[in-house]
Amino acid sequence: MVSESRGQFQVPTRTEYSRTILHSYQEARQMVLSLSKQLRCEGYKKTIASEEQLGFQFD
């Protein structure tokens, strides 16, 4: 599942949420890459994240 949220987090009524269920890890990865490309085209830039990425194996 890929979850997205866009908007102002301080104002929940102005935040959009969506969840997409995909059939495979490869489909999910392709969707995330596509969303990343779209956001870069819109002028968003990656910042340093303070989160930990867990190494789950979905094969």
N, C-alpha and C. Protein backbone atom coordinates (compact mmCIF):
# COMPACT_ATOMS: atom_id res chain seq x y z
N MET A 1 0.84 -1.16 0.00
CA MET A 1 0.00 0.00 0.00
C MET A 1 0.89 1.23 0.00
N VAL A 2 0.53 2.20 -0.82
CA VAL A 2 1.23 3.48 -0.85
C VAL A 2 0.27 4.52 -0.28
N SER A 3 0.71 5.26 0.74
CA SER A 3 -0.10 6.31 1.35
C SER A 3 0.49 7.66 0.98
N GLU A 4 -0.39 8.60 0.66
CA GLU A 4 0.03 9.96 0.33
C GLU A 4 -0.75 10.94 1.18
N SER A 5 -0.12 12.04 1.52
CA SER A 5 -0.84 13.14 2.16
C SER A 5 -0.26 14.43 1.62
N ARG A 6 -1.15 15.35 1.30
CA ARG A 6 -0.74 16.65 0.78
C ARG A 6 -1.61 17.71 1.42
N GLY A 7 -1.01 18.84 1.72
CA GLY A 7 -1.76 19.95 2.28
C GLY A 7 -1.10 20.47 3.52
N GLN A 8 -1.88 21.16 4.31
CA GLN A 8 -1.39 21.76 5.54
C GLN A 8 -1.69 20.83 6.70
N PHE A 9 -0.65 20.31 7.33
CA PHE A 9 -0.85 19.36 8.42
C PHE A 9 -1.46 20.03 9.65
N GLN A 10 -1.26 21.34 9.78
CA GLN A 10 -1.83 22.04 10.94
C GLN A 10 -3.34 22.21 10.78
N VAL A 11 -3.85 22.11 9.56
CA VAL A 11 -5.28 22.29 9.29
C VAL A 11 -5.79 21.00 8.62
N PRO A 12 -6.23 20.02 9.43
CA PRO A 12 -6.63 18.72 8.86
C PRO A 12 -7.68 18.80 7.76
N THR A 13 -8.56 19.81 7.79
CA THR A 13 -9.60 19.91 6.77
C THR A 13 -9.02 20.31 5.41
N ARG A 14 -7.78 20.77 5.37
CA ARG A 14 -7.13 21.17 4.12
C ARG A 14 -6.08 20.16 3.67
N THR A 15 -6.10 19.00 4.27
CA THR A 15 -5.12 17.97 3.93
C THR A 15 -5.83 16.83 3.20
N GLU A 16 -5.25 16.41 2.08
CA GLU A 16 -5.79 15.29 1.31
C GLU A 16 -5.00 14.03 1.66
N TYR A 17 -5.71 12.94 1.83
CA TYR A 17 -5.07 11.65 2.08
C TYR A 17 -5.54 10.67 1.02
N SER A 18 -4.64 9.83 0.59
CA SER A 18 -5.05 8.75 -0.32
C SER A 18 -4.20 7.52 -0.04
N ARG A 19 -4.81 6.38 -0.25
CA ARG A 19 -4.11 5.10 -0.09
C ARG A 19 -4.38 4.28 -1.34
N THR A 20 -3.33 3.71 -1.88
CA THR A 20 -3.46 2.88 -3.08
C THR A 20 -2.90 1.49 -2.76
N ILE A 21 -3.71 0.49 -2.96
CA ILE A 21 -3.26 -0.89 -2.74
C ILE A 21 -2.76 -1.43 -4.07
N LEU A 22 -1.55 -1.95 -4.05
CA LEU A 22 -0.93 -2.48 -5.26
C LEU A 22 -0.66 -3.97 -5.09
N HIS A 23 -0.46 -4.65 -6.20
CA HIS A 23 -0.33 -6.10 -6.18
C HIS A 23 1.08 -6.60 -5.88
N SER A 24 2.07 -5.73 -6.03
CA SER A 24 3.44 -6.20 -5.80
C SER A 24 4.33 -5.06 -5.32
N TYR A 25 5.44 -5.44 -4.77
CA TYR A 25 6.45 -4.47 -4.34
C TYR A 25 6.93 -3.66 -5.54
N GLN A 26 7.10 -4.30 -6.68
CA GLN A 26 7.58 -3.60 -7.87
C GLN A 26 6.59 -2.52 -8.32
N GLU A 27 5.30 -2.82 -8.27
CA GLU A 27 4.28 -1.82 -8.63
C GLU A 27 4.33 -0.64 -7.66
N ALA A 28 4.45 -0.94 -6.37
CA ALA A 28 4.50 0.12 -5.37
C ALA A 28 5.74 0.98 -5.56
N ARG A 29 6.86 0.34 -5.81
CA ARG A 29 8.11 1.08 -6.03
C ARG A 29 7.99 1.97 -7.25
N GLN A 30 7.40 1.48 -8.33
CA GLN A 30 7.22 2.27 -9.54
C GLN A 30 6.32 3.47 -9.27
N MET A 31 5.27 3.27 -8.47
CA MET A 31 4.38 4.37 -8.15
C MET A 31 5.11 5.44 -7.33
N VAL A 32 5.88 5.01 -6.35
CA VAL A 32 6.64 5.96 -5.52
C VAL A 32 7.64 6.73 -6.37
N LEU A 33 8.32 6.06 -7.28
CA LEU A 33 9.27 6.75 -8.17
C LEU A 33 8.56 7.76 -9.05
N SER A 34 7.39 7.41 -9.55
CA SER A 34 6.60 8.31 -10.39
C SER A 34 6.14 9.53 -9.59
N LEU A 35 5.66 9.31 -8.37
CA LEU A 35 5.25 10.42 -7.51
C LEU A 35 6.42 11.33 -7.19
N SER A 36 7.57 10.73 -6.93
CA SER A 36 8.78 11.50 -6.64
C SER A 36 9.15 12.40 -7.81
N LYS A 37 9.09 11.85 -9.01
CA LYS A 37 9.40 12.62 -10.22
C LYS A 37 8.41 13.77 -10.38
N GLN A 38 7.13 13.49 -10.17
CA GLN A 38 6.10 14.51 -10.28
C GLN A 38 6.35 15.66 -9.29
N LEU A 39 6.68 15.32 -8.05
CA LEU A 39 6.92 16.34 -7.04
C LEU A 39 8.15 17.18 -7.38
N ARG A 40 9.20 16.55 -7.90
CA ARG A 40 10.39 17.31 -8.30
C ARG A 40 10.04 18.29 -9.41
N CYS A 41 9.20 17.86 -10.35
CA CYS A 41 8.76 18.75 -11.44
C CYS A 41 7.95 19.93 -10.92
N GLU A 42 7.27 19.74 -9.79
CA GLU A 42 6.47 20.80 -9.18
C GLU A 42 7.33 21.71 -8.29
N GLY A 43 8.63 21.41 -8.19
CA GLY A 43 9.53 22.26 -7.43
C GLY A 43 9.86 21.81 -6.03
N TYR A 44 9.33 20.66 -5.62
CA TYR A 44 9.65 20.15 -4.29
C TYR A 44 11.08 19.61 -4.28
N LYS A 45 11.73 19.75 -3.12
CA LYS A 45 13.09 19.24 -2.97
C LYS A 45 13.15 18.32 -1.77
N LYS A 46 14.00 17.32 -1.87
CA LYS A 46 14.18 16.38 -0.77
C LYS A 46 14.94 17.06 0.36
N THR A 47 14.49 16.83 1.58
CA THR A 47 15.19 17.36 2.74
C THR A 47 15.75 16.19 3.54
N ILE A 48 16.58 16.49 4.48
CA ILE A 48 17.15 15.45 5.33
C ILE A 48 16.05 14.90 6.23
N ALA A 49 15.86 13.60 6.17
CA ALA A 49 14.82 12.96 6.97
C ALA A 49 15.41 12.42 8.26
N SER A 50 14.65 12.53 9.33
CA SER A 50 15.10 12.01 10.61
C SER A 50 14.40 10.69 10.92
N GLU A 51 13.89 10.03 9.90
CA GLU A 51 13.20 8.77 10.11
C GLU A 51 14.13 7.60 9.78
N GLU A 52 13.78 6.46 10.30
CA GLU A 52 14.55 5.25 10.06
C GLU A 52 13.80 4.38 9.06
N GLN A 53 14.47 3.97 8.00
CA GLN A 53 13.87 3.09 7.02
C GLN A 53 14.09 1.64 7.45
N LEU A 54 13.02 0.89 7.57
CA LEU A 54 13.10 -0.50 7.97
C LEU A 54 13.34 -1.37 6.73
N GLY A 55 14.18 -2.36 6.87
CA GLY A 55 14.54 -3.19 5.74
C GLY A 55 13.70 -4.44 5.59
N PHE A 56 12.41 -4.28 5.33
CA PHE A 56 11.55 -5.43 5.14
C PHE A 56 11.80 -6.07 3.77
N GLN A 57 11.70 -7.37 3.72
CA GLN A 57 11.83 -8.09 2.47
C GLN A 57 10.44 -8.51 2.01
N PHE A 58 9.99 -8.01 0.86
CA PHE A 58 8.65 -8.30 0.37
C PHE A 58 8.65 -9.21 -0.84
N ASP A 59 9.63 -10.01 -0.97
CA ASP A 59 9.70 -10.90 -2.14
C ASP A 59 8.84 -12.12 -1.98
